[in-house]
Amino acid sequence: MFQQPTQPTAFSGLLTMSEVVFHSIVRSVRSKHNNAFIALGLNLLQSLLMVAVFYVMFTVLNLKGSAVRGDFMLYVMSGIFLFIMHTKTVGAVAGAEGPSSAMMQHAPMNTMVAILSAALGALYIQVLSLFIILLLYHVAVTPVHIEEPVPAFGMLLLAWISGVGVGLILLVLKPWVPNLVSIFTTIYQRANMIASGKMFLANTLPSFMLSMFDWNPLFHCIDQARGYVFINYNPHNSNWEYAAWVALVLIVIGLMGEFYTRQHASASWSARQ
């Protein structure tokens, strides 16, 4: 009754939204563990274990000859990091809180904040893990040399953006067919162990096998990233523009579907998930 209503400016609204997104990112990162350092350590351990497993597998199967001439560990990590970034982002965005979540009852929380915080939280934790692992490898083993670091990092971001697009589509479908989306998310993440192409080079694939992988935007991101990491590799059978267009189309369709789903949200949906 004694409060004077004020009309918020666009800038103040942006600051408010940024603050809400920041706190939601912190909540998203700490959701894995109450201690943020332990959450980061668990992610680091997972990445290191995957790198070690693939290194041993390449060594045992004598597949090192199929890698790019250069630092073999960089070859392995260039595939593993982009794969983890993509799949973790898909899982984070697909698992973001929807319009029927109890968190949506607390203004100014909304579904866009939930999606942004899930995506940015995944980006933060994976990029931090990447730099820590590369720093340890640079200091303890051998100096790291990346031929074109900025474009290579751009491919990492493109893998993240394409993961946001896929996760957004799954998030939109989840209230309608929750069990099917859960199964498909798991299958998609497991299938990318092979379909991402992190274990081989696109230039070495015959044409009949190339068609089995070139539908996947992550396959293009990893192959292009290796072209920027190594001076001895020039990718001919992939292009980052395809991955960018696929990510853009998926995000646009996902945002349209999110708007439609939000308009038809029902509190009973939470009981089915």
C-alpha atoms as a PDB file:
ATOM      1  CA  MET A   1       0.000   0.000   0.000  1.00  0.00           C
ATOM      2  CA  PHE A   2       2.895   2.373   0.788  1.00  0.00           C
ATOM      3  CA  GLN A   3       5.186   0.975  -1.914  1.00  0.00           C
ATOM      4  CA  GLN A   4       5.736   3.022  -5.027  1.00  0.00           C
ATOM      5  CA  PRO A   5       5.641   0.854  -8.169  1.00  0.00           C
ATOM      6  CA  THR A   6       8.677   1.272 -10.391  1.00  0.00           C
ATOM      7  CA  GLN A   7       9.088   0.319 -14.012  1.00  0.00           C
ATOM      8  CA  PRO A   8      12.286  -1.744 -14.345  1.00  0.00           C
ATOM      9  CA  THR A   9      14.577  -0.790 -17.208  1.00  0.00           C
ATOM     10  CA  ALA A  10      15.917  -3.299 -19.717  1.00  0.00           C
ATOM     11  CA  PHE A  11      19.366  -3.070 -18.145  1.00  0.00           C
ATOM     12  CA  SER A  12      18.092  -3.689 -14.605  1.00  0.00           C
ATOM     13  CA  GLY A  13      16.034  -6.602 -15.899  1.00  0.00           C
ATOM     14  CA  LEU A  14      19.146  -8.049 -17.538  1.00  0.00           C
ATOM     15  CA  LEU A  15      21.097  -7.701 -14.275  1.00  0.00           C
ATOM     16  CA  THR A  16      18.310  -9.413 -12.326  1.00  0.00           C
ATOM     17  CA  MET A  17      18.145 -12.239 -14.835  1.00  0.00           C
ATOM     18  CA  SER A  18      21.952 -12.621 -14.789  1.00  0.00           C
ATOM     19  CA  GLU A  19      21.929 -12.844 -10.979  1.00  0.00           C
ATOM     20  CA  VAL A  20      19.230 -15.529 -11.027  1.00  0.00           C
ATOM     21  CA  VAL A  21      21.122 -17.474 -13.713  1.00  0.00           C
ATOM     22  CA  PHE A  22      24.350 -17.232 -11.684  1.00  0.00           C
ATOM     23  CA  HIS A  23      22.750 -18.637  -8.539  1.00  0.00           C
ATOM     24  CA  SER A  24      21.048 -21.344 -10.607  1.00  0.00           C
ATOM     25  CA  ILE A  25      24.427 -22.297 -12.138  1.00  0.00           C
ATOM     26  CA  VAL A  26      25.920 -22.601  -8.641  1.00  0.00           C
ATOM     27  CA  ARG A  27      22.984 -24.785  -7.614  1.00  0.00           C
ATOM     28  CA  SER A  28      23.390 -26.875 -10.770  1.00  0.00           C
ATOM     29  CA  VAL A  29      27.131 -27.412 -10.210  1.00  0.00           C
ATOM     30  CA  ARG A  30      26.664 -28.240  -6.514  1.00  0.00           C
ATOM     31  CA  SER A  31      23.840 -30.675  -7.285  1.00  0.00           C
ATOM     32  CA  LYS A  32      26.441 -33.405  -7.961  1.00  0.00           C
ATOM     33  CA  HIS A  33      27.930 -32.944  -4.480  1.00  0.00           C
ATOM     34  CA  ASN A  34      27.546 -30.514  -1.595  1.00  0.00           C
ATOM     35  CA  ASN A  35      31.226 -29.633  -1.910  1.00  0.00           C
ATOM     36  CA  ALA A  36      31.972 -27.876  -5.221  1.00  0.00           C
ATOM     37  CA  PHE A  37      35.628 -29.003  -5.144  1.00  0.00           C
ATOM     38  CA  ILE A  38      34.593 -32.647  -4.800  1.00  0.00           C
ATOM     39  CA  ALA A  39      32.111 -32.197  -7.664  1.00  0.00           C
ATOM     40  CA  LEU A  40      34.956 -30.872  -9.823  1.00  0.00           C
ATOM     41  CA  GLY A  41      37.259 -33.669  -8.639  1.00  0.00           C
ATOM     42  CA  LEU A  42      34.731 -36.341  -9.585  1.00  0.00           C
ATOM     43  CA  ASN A  43      34.423 -34.872 -13.081  1.00  0.00           C
ATOM     44  CA  LEU A  44      38.227 -34.687 -13.378  1.00  0.00           C
ATOM     45  CA  LEU A  45      38.527 -38.319 -12.309  1.00  0.00           C
ATOM     46  CA  GLN A  46      35.941 -39.404 -14.860  1.00  0.00           C
ATOM     47  CA  SER A  47      37.744 -37.559 -17.678  1.00  0.00           C
ATOM     48  CA  LEU A  48      41.148 -38.933 -16.644  1.00  0.00           C
ATOM     49  CA  LEU A  49      39.804 -42.482 -16.432  1.00  0.00           C
ATOM     50  CA  MET A  50      38.283 -42.233 -19.912  1.00  0.00           C
ATOM     51  CA  VAL A  51      41.542 -40.873 -21.357  1.00  0.00           C
ATOM     52  CA  ALA A  52      43.500 -43.666 -19.645  1.00  0.00           C
ATOM     53  CA  VAL A  53      41.108 -46.382 -20.865  1.00  0.00           C
ATOM     54  CA  PHE A  54      41.290 -45.211 -24.480  1.00  0.00           C
ATOM     55  CA  TYR A  55      45.071 -44.848 -24.295  1.00  0.00           C
ATOM     56  CA  VAL A  56      45.410 -48.438 -23.048  1.00  0.00           C
ATOM     57  CA  MET A  57      42.900 -49.669 -25.645  1.00  0.00           C
ATOM     58  CA  PHE A  58      44.789 -48.002 -28.515  1.00  0.00           C
ATOM     59  CA  THR A  59      48.062 -49.428 -27.184  1.00  0.00           C
ATOM     60  CA  VAL A  60      46.772 -52.997 -26.707  1.00  0.00           C
ATOM     61  CA  LEU A  61      45.023 -53.076 -30.107  1.00  0.00           C
ATOM     62  CA  ASN A  62      48.077 -51.493 -31.745  1.00  0.00           C
ATOM     63  CA  LEU A  63      46.015 -48.666 -33.257  1.00  0.00           C
ATOM     64  CA  LYS A  64      48.507 -45.877 -32.645  1.00  0.00           C
ATOM     65  CA  GLY A  65      49.506 -45.978 -36.299  1.00  0.00           C
ATOM     66  CA  SER A  66      46.032 -44.754 -37.280  1.00  0.00           C
ATOM     67  CA  ALA A  67      46.415 -41.574 -35.208  1.00  0.00           C
ATOM     68  CA  VAL A  68      47.747 -38.226 -36.386  1.00  0.00           C
ATOM     69  CA  ARG A  69      51.518 -37.849 -36.461  1.00  0.00           C
ATOM     70  CA  GLY A  70      52.198 -35.866 -33.291  1.00  0.00           C
ATOM     71  CA  ASP A  71      51.419 -36.115 -29.581  1.00  0.00           C
ATOM     72  CA  PHE A  72      49.285 -39.234 -29.214  1.00  0.00           C
ATOM     73  CA  MET A  73      47.802 -38.125 -25.877  1.00  0.00           C
ATOM     74  CA  LEU A  74      46.569 -34.905 -27.488  1.00  0.00           C
ATOM     75  CA  TYR A  75      44.941 -37.036 -30.180  1.00  0.00           C
ATOM     76  CA  VAL A  76      43.101 -39.035 -27.518  1.00  0.00           C
ATOM     77  CA  MET A  77      42.162 -35.994 -25.436  1.00  0.00           C
ATOM     78  CA  SER A  78      40.926 -34.000 -28.441  1.00  0.00           C
ATOM     79  CA  GLY A  79      38.270 -36.657 -28.951  1.00  0.00           C
ATOM     80  CA  ILE A  80      37.495 -37.399 -25.310  1.00  0.00           C
ATOM     81  CA  PHE A  81      37.038 -33.778 -24.217  1.00  0.00           C
ATOM     82  CA  LEU A  82      34.607 -32.911 -27.008  1.00  0.00           C
ATOM     83  CA  PHE A  83      32.705 -36.159 -26.470  1.00  0.00           C
ATOM     84  CA  ILE A  84      32.338 -35.532 -22.727  1.00  0.00           C
ATOM     85  CA  MET A  85      31.382 -31.882 -23.308  1.00  0.00           C
ATOM     86  CA  HIS A  86      28.630 -32.870 -25.757  1.00  0.00           C
ATOM     87  CA  THR A  87      27.153 -35.791 -23.829  1.00  0.00           C
ATOM     88  CA  LYS A  88      27.302 -34.063 -20.435  1.00  0.00           C
ATOM     89  CA  THR A  89      25.547 -31.017 -21.903  1.00  0.00           C
ATOM     90  CA  VAL A  90      22.857 -33.190 -23.475  1.00  0.00           C
ATOM     91  CA  GLY A  91      22.231 -34.868 -20.123  1.00  0.00           C
ATOM     92  CA  ALA A  92      22.271 -31.576 -18.183  1.00  0.00           C
ATOM     93  CA  VAL A  93      19.872 -29.712 -20.488  1.00  0.00           C
ATOM     94  CA  ALA A  94      17.570 -32.717 -20.934  1.00  0.00           C
ATOM     95  CA  GLY A  95      17.454 -33.032 -17.135  1.00  0.00           C
ATOM     96  CA  ALA A  96      16.740 -29.335 -16.497  1.00  0.00           C
ATOM     97  CA  GLU A  97      13.634 -28.437 -14.523  1.00  0.00           C
ATOM     98  CA  GLY A  98      10.535 -28.077 -16.660  1.00  0.00           C
ATOM     99  CA  PRO A  99       7.448 -25.852 -16.379  1.00  0.00           C
ATOM    100  CA  SER A 100       5.745 -28.159 -13.864  1.00  0.00           C
ATOM    101  CA  SER A 101       8.710 -28.182 -11.469  1.00  0.00           C
ATOM    102  CA  ALA A 102       8.197 -26.802  -7.963  1.00  0.00           C
ATOM    103  CA  MET A 103      11.100 -24.364  -8.554  1.00  0.00           C
ATOM    104  CA  MET A 104       8.967 -22.529 -11.120  1.00  0.00           C
ATOM    105  CA  GLN A 105       6.733 -21.336  -8.272  1.00  0.00           C
ATOM    106  CA  HIS A 106       9.528 -19.041  -7.071  1.00  0.00           C
ATOM    107  CA  ALA A 107       9.715 -15.801  -9.053  1.00  0.00           C
ATOM    108  CA  PRO A 108      11.710 -14.733 -11.025  1.00  0.00           C
ATOM    109  CA  MET A 109      12.642 -18.366 -11.761  1.00  0.00           C
ATOM    110  CA  ASN A 110      11.464 -19.647 -15.145  1.00  0.00           C
ATOM    111  CA  THR A 111      12.240 -22.417 -17.594  1.00  0.00           C
ATOM    112  CA  MET A 112      14.710 -20.324 -19.610  1.00  0.00           C
ATOM    113  CA  VAL A 113      16.760 -19.701 -16.449  1.00  0.00           C
ATOM    114  CA  ALA A 114      16.724 -23.441 -15.725  1.00  0.00           C
ATOM    115  CA  ILE A 115      17.906 -24.277 -19.266  1.00  0.00           C
ATOM    116  CA  LEU A 116      20.611 -21.583 -19.250  1.00  0.00           C
ATOM    117  CA  SER A 117      21.926 -22.604 -15.844  1.00  0.00           C
ATOM    118  CA  ALA A 118      22.082 -26.294 -16.816  1.00  0.00           C
ATOM    119  CA  ALA A 119      23.908 -25.515 -20.074  1.00  0.00           C
ATOM    120  CA  LEU A 120      26.330 -22.976 -18.575  1.00  0.00           C
ATOM    121  CA  GLY A 121      26.961 -25.172 -15.540  1.00  0.00           C
ATOM    122  CA  ALA A 122      27.994 -28.053 -17.820  1.00  0.00           C
ATOM    123  CA  LEU A 123      30.198 -25.696 -19.858  1.00  0.00           C
ATOM    124  CA  TYR A 124      31.885 -24.311 -16.737  1.00  0.00           C
ATOM    125  CA  ILE A 125      32.705 -27.650 -15.151  1.00  0.00           C
ATOM    126  CA  GLN A 126      33.975 -29.214 -18.405  1.00  0.00           C
ATOM    127  CA  VAL A 127      36.125 -26.247 -19.458  1.00  0.00           C
ATOM    128  CA  LEU A 128      37.638 -26.033 -15.982  1.00  0.00           C
ATOM    129  CA  SER A 129      38.395 -29.772 -16.035  1.00  0.00           C
ATOM    130  CA  LEU A 130      39.920 -29.438 -19.505  1.00  0.00           C
ATOM    131  CA  PHE A 131      42.325 -26.671 -18.472  1.00  0.00           C
ATOM    132  CA  ILE A 132      43.339 -28.462 -15.265  1.00  0.00           C
ATOM    133  CA  ILE A 133      44.104 -31.726 -17.116  1.00  0.00           C
ATOM    134  CA  LEU A 134      46.040 -29.928 -19.869  1.00  0.00           C
ATOM    135  CA  LEU A 135      47.987 -27.961 -17.259  1.00  0.00           C
ATOM    136  CA  LEU A 136      48.909 -31.127 -15.370  1.00  0.00           C
ATOM    137  CA  TYR A 137      49.939 -32.837 -18.610  1.00  0.00           C
ATOM    138  CA  HIS A 138      51.961 -29.776 -19.665  1.00  0.00           C
ATOM    139  CA  VAL A 139      53.801 -29.572 -16.333  1.00  0.00           C
ATOM    140  CA  ALA A 140      54.239 -33.246 -15.472  1.00  0.00           C
ATOM    141  CA  VAL A 141      54.678 -34.979 -18.842  1.00  0.00           C
ATOM    142  CA  THR A 142      55.510 -32.838 -21.860  1.00  0.00           C
ATOM    143  CA  PRO A 143      54.782 -29.293 -23.079  1.00  0.00           C
ATOM    144  CA  VAL A 144      51.427 -29.055 -24.822  1.00  0.00           C
ATOM    145  CA  HIS A 145      51.502 -27.555 -28.310  1.00  0.00           C
ATOM    146  CA  ILE A 146      48.202 -26.841 -30.071  1.00  0.00           C
ATOM    147  CA  GLU A 147      48.688 -25.482 -33.571  1.00  0.00           C
ATOM    148  CA  GLU A 148      45.600 -23.213 -33.564  1.00  0.00           C
ATOM    149  CA  PRO A 149      44.243 -23.033 -29.998  1.00  0.00           C
ATOM    150  CA  VAL A 150      41.475 -20.476 -30.587  1.00  0.00           C
ATOM    151  CA  PRO A 151      39.702 -22.361 -33.434  1.00  0.00           C
ATOM    152  CA  ALA A 152      40.254 -25.630 -31.537  1.00  0.00           C
ATOM    153  CA  PHE A 153      38.494 -24.139 -28.502  1.00  0.00           C
ATOM    154  CA  GLY A 154      35.787 -22.917 -30.881  1.00  0.00           C
ATOM    155  CA  MET A 155      35.114 -26.531 -31.877  1.00  0.00           C
ATOM    156  CA  LEU A 156      34.762 -27.370 -28.173  1.00  0.00           C
ATOM    157  CA  LEU A 157      32.164 -24.612 -27.864  1.00  0.00           C
ATOM    158  CA  LEU A 158      30.422 -25.874 -30.991  1.00  0.00           C
ATOM    159  CA  ALA A 159      30.225 -29.355 -29.448  1.00  0.00           C
ATOM    160  CA  TRP A 160      28.664 -27.691 -26.385  1.00  0.00           C
ATOM    161  CA  ILE A 161      26.153 -25.709 -28.477  1.00  0.00           C
ATOM    162  CA  SER A 162      25.110 -28.796 -30.441  1.00  0.00           C
ATOM    163  CA  GLY A 163      24.678 -30.605 -27.103  1.00  0.00           C
ATOM    164  CA  VAL A 164      22.415 -27.765 -25.945  1.00  0.00           C
ATOM    165  CA  GLY A 165      20.320 -28.200 -29.112  1.00  0.00           C
ATOM    166  CA  VAL A 166      19.916 -31.964 -28.676  1.00  0.00           C
ATOM    167  CA  GLY A 167      19.230 -31.612 -24.951  1.00  0.00           C
ATOM    168  CA  LEU A 168      16.631 -28.912 -25.585  1.00  0.00           C
ATOM    169  CA  ILE A 169      14.710 -31.169 -27.973  1.00  0.00           C
ATOM    170  CA  LEU A 170      14.751 -33.970 -25.383  1.00  0.00           C
ATOM    171  CA  LEU A 171      13.668 -31.566 -22.619  1.00  0.00           C
ATOM    172  CA  VAL A 172      10.684 -30.446 -24.693  1.00  0.00           C
ATOM    173  CA  LEU A 173       9.608 -34.031 -25.387  1.00  0.00           C
ATOM    174  CA  LYS A 174      10.125 -35.230 -21.808  1.00  0.00           C
ATOM    175  CA  PRO A 175       6.767 -34.043 -20.348  1.00  0.00           C
ATOM    176  CA  TRP A 176       4.896 -35.777 -23.172  1.00  0.00           C
ATOM    177  CA  VAL A 177       6.812 -39.087 -23.313  1.00  0.00           C
ATOM    178  CA  PRO A 178       9.079 -39.178 -20.221  1.00  0.00           C
ATOM    179  CA  ASN A 179      10.028 -42.871 -20.335  1.00  0.00           C
ATOM    180  CA  LEU A 180      10.837 -42.824 -24.044  1.00  0.00           C
ATOM    181  CA  VAL A 181      12.991 -39.699 -23.671  1.00  0.00           C
ATOM    182  CA  SER A 182      14.900 -41.225 -20.760  1.00  0.00           C
ATOM    183  CA  ILE A 183      15.659 -44.343 -22.821  1.00  0.00           C
ATOM    184  CA  PHE A 184      16.600 -42.334 -25.925  1.00  0.00           C
ATOM    185  CA  THR A 185      18.908 -40.038 -23.926  1.00  0.00           C
ATOM    186  CA  THR A 186      20.834 -43.033 -22.598  1.00  0.00           C
ATOM    187  CA  ILE A 187      21.014 -44.659 -26.044  1.00  0.00           C
ATOM    188  CA  TYR A 188      22.194 -41.411 -27.664  1.00  0.00           C
ATOM    189  CA  GLN A 189      24.945 -40.904 -25.097  1.00  0.00           C
ATOM    190  CA  ARG A 190      26.131 -44.518 -25.391  1.00  0.00           C
ATOM    191  CA  ALA A 191      25.937 -44.539 -29.202  1.00  0.00           C
ATOM    192  CA  ASN A 192      28.208 -41.510 -29.364  1.00  0.00           C
ATOM    193  CA  MET A 193      30.998 -43.627 -27.889  1.00  0.00           C
ATOM    194  CA  ILE A 194      31.339 -44.917 -31.460  1.00  0.00           C
ATOM    195  CA  ALA A 195      29.333 -42.482 -33.610  1.00  0.00           C
ATOM    196  CA  SER A 196      31.319 -39.434 -32.443  1.00  0.00           C
ATOM    197  CA  GLY A 197      34.375 -40.692 -34.349  1.00  0.00           C
ATOM    198  CA  LYS A 198      36.767 -39.944 -31.517  1.00  0.00           C
ATOM    199  CA  MET A 199      38.613 -43.220 -32.110  1.00  0.00           C
ATOM    200  CA  PHE A 200      39.478 -42.651 -35.765  1.00  0.00           C
ATOM    201  CA  LEU A 201      40.023 -39.962 -38.408  1.00  0.00           C
ATOM    202  CA  ALA A 202      37.403 -39.068 -40.995  1.00  0.00           C
ATOM    203  CA  ASN A 203      40.072 -38.909 -43.715  1.00  0.00           C
ATOM    204  CA  THR A 204      40.872 -42.593 -43.195  1.00  0.00           C
ATOM    205  CA  LEU A 205      37.281 -43.824 -43.560  1.00  0.00           C
ATOM    206  CA  PRO A 206      36.044 -45.300 -46.848  1.00  0.00           C
ATOM    207  CA  SER A 207      33.000 -43.612 -48.366  1.00  0.00           C
ATOM    208  CA  PHE A 208      30.558 -46.380 -47.388  1.00  0.00           C
ATOM    209  CA  MET A 209      31.580 -46.005 -43.711  1.00  0.00           C
ATOM    210  CA  LEU A 210      31.679 -42.210 -43.799  1.00  0.00           C
ATOM    211  CA  SER A 211      27.937 -42.091 -44.441  1.00  0.00           C
ATOM    212  CA  MET A 212      27.411 -43.924 -41.135  1.00  0.00           C
ATOM    213  CA  PHE A 213      28.970 -41.061 -39.154  1.00  0.00           C
ATOM    214  CA  ASP A 214      28.616 -37.779 -41.064  1.00  0.00           C
ATOM    215  CA  TRP A 215      25.031 -37.247 -39.818  1.00  0.00           C
ATOM    216  CA  ASN A 216      26.435 -36.587 -36.348  1.00  0.00           C
ATOM    217  CA  PRO A 217      27.438 -32.951 -35.652  1.00  0.00           C
ATOM    218  CA  LEU A 218      29.811 -34.143 -32.909  1.00  0.00           C
ATOM    219  CA  PHE A 219      31.694 -36.212 -35.512  1.00  0.00           C
ATOM    220  CA  HIS A 220      32.330 -33.026 -37.521  1.00  0.00           C
ATOM    221  CA  CYS A 221      33.360 -31.059 -34.411  1.00  0.00           C
ATOM    222  CA  ILE A 222      35.930 -33.663 -33.323  1.00  0.00           C
ATOM    223  CA  ASP A 223      37.414 -34.080 -36.796  1.00  0.00           C
ATOM    224  CA  GLN A 224      37.672 -30.318 -37.335  1.00  0.00           C
ATOM    225  CA  ALA A 225      39.182 -29.846 -33.864  1.00  0.00           C
ATOM    226  CA  ARG A 226      41.952 -32.307 -34.714  1.00  0.00           C
ATOM    227  CA  GLY A 227      42.669 -30.295 -37.830  1.00  0.00           C
ATOM    228  CA  TYR A 228      43.281 -27.245 -35.623  1.00  0.00           C
ATOM    229  CA  VAL A 229      45.220 -29.158 -32.943  1.00  0.00           C
ATOM    230  CA  PHE A 230      47.671 -30.869 -35.323  1.00  0.00           C
ATOM    231  CA  ILE A 231      49.625 -29.288 -38.158  1.00  0.00           C
ATOM    232  CA  ASN A 232      49.847 -32.682 -39.916  1.00  0.00           C
ATOM    233  CA  TYR A 233      46.094 -33.220 -40.288  1.00  0.00           C
ATOM    234  CA  ASN A 234      43.846 -31.443 -42.778  1.00  0.00           C
ATOM    235  CA  PRO A 235      40.222 -32.700 -42.508  1.00  0.00           C
ATOM    236  CA  HIS A 236      38.543 -33.157 -45.902  1.00  0.00           C
ATOM    237  CA  ASN A 237      35.448 -35.169 -44.987  1.00  0.00           C
ATOM    238  CA  SER A 238      33.944 -32.896 -42.339  1.00  0.00           C
ATOM    239  CA  ASN A 239      32.999 -29.249 -41.908  1.00  0.00           C
ATOM    240  CA  TRP A 240      32.062 -27.215 -38.863  1.00  0.00           C
ATOM    241  CA  GLU A 241      29.341 -25.318 -40.764  1.00  0.00           C
ATOM    242  CA  TYR A 242      27.184 -28.455 -40.819  1.00  0.00           C
ATOM    243  CA  ALA A 243      27.442 -28.808 -37.032  1.00  0.00           C
ATOM    244  CA  ALA A 244      26.648 -25.110 -36.564  1.00  0.00           C
ATOM    245  CA  TRP A 245      23.542 -25.241 -38.771  1.00  0.00           C
ATOM    246  CA  VAL A 246      22.276 -28.420 -37.115  1.00  0.00           C
ATOM    247  CA  ALA A 247      22.760 -26.850 -33.672  1.00  0.00           C
ATOM    248  CA  LEU A 248      20.947 -23.674 -34.752  1.00  0.00           C
ATOM    249  CA  VAL A 249      17.994 -25.584 -36.197  1.00  0.00           C
ATOM    250  CA  LEU A 250      17.699 -27.793 -33.099  1.00  0.00           C
ATOM    251  CA  ILE A 251      17.821 -24.792 -30.753  1.00  0.00           C
ATOM    252  CA  VAL A 252      15.163 -22.887 -32.730  1.00  0.00           C
ATOM    253  CA  ILE A 253      12.860 -25.928 -32.852  1.00  0.00           C
ATOM    254  CA  GLY A 254      13.545 -26.591 -29.174  1.00  0.00           C
ATOM    255  CA  LEU A 255      12.683 -23.035 -28.129  1.00  0.00           C
ATOM    256  CA  MET A 256       9.450 -23.167 -30.141  1.00  0.00           C
ATOM    257  CA  GLY A 257       8.573 -26.500 -28.539  1.00  0.00           C
ATOM    258  CA  GLU A 258       9.465 -25.194 -25.077  1.00  0.00           C
ATOM    259  CA  PHE A 259       7.082 -22.261 -25.528  1.00  0.00           C
ATOM    260  CA  TYR A 260       4.278 -24.606 -26.623  1.00  0.00           C
ATOM    261  CA  THR A 261       4.950 -27.044 -23.776  1.00  0.00           C
ATOM    262  CA  ARG A 262       5.038 -24.225 -21.219  1.00  0.00           C
ATOM    263  CA  GLN A 263       1.593 -23.055 -22.362  1.00  0.00           C
ATOM    264  CA  HIS A 264       0.162 -26.528 -21.786  1.00  0.00           C
ATOM    265  CA  ALA A 265       2.030 -27.379 -18.590  1.00  0.00           C
ATOM    266  CA  SER A 266       0.145 -29.352 -15.965  1.00  0.00           C
ATOM    267  CA  ALA A 267       1.085 -29.977 -12.355  1.00  0.00           C
ATOM    268  CA  SER A 268       0.167 -33.658 -12.806  1.00  0.00           C
ATOM    269  CA  TRP A 269       3.123 -34.090 -15.191  1.00  0.00           C
ATOM    270  CA  SER A 270       5.539 -34.154 -12.277  1.00  0.00           C
ATOM    271  CA  ALA A 271       3.907 -37.338 -10.988  1.00  0.00           C
ATOM    272  CA  ARG A 272       4.672 -39.126 -14.276  1.00  0.00           C
ATOM    273  CA  GLN A 273       8.353 -38.225 -14.442  1.00  0.00           C
END
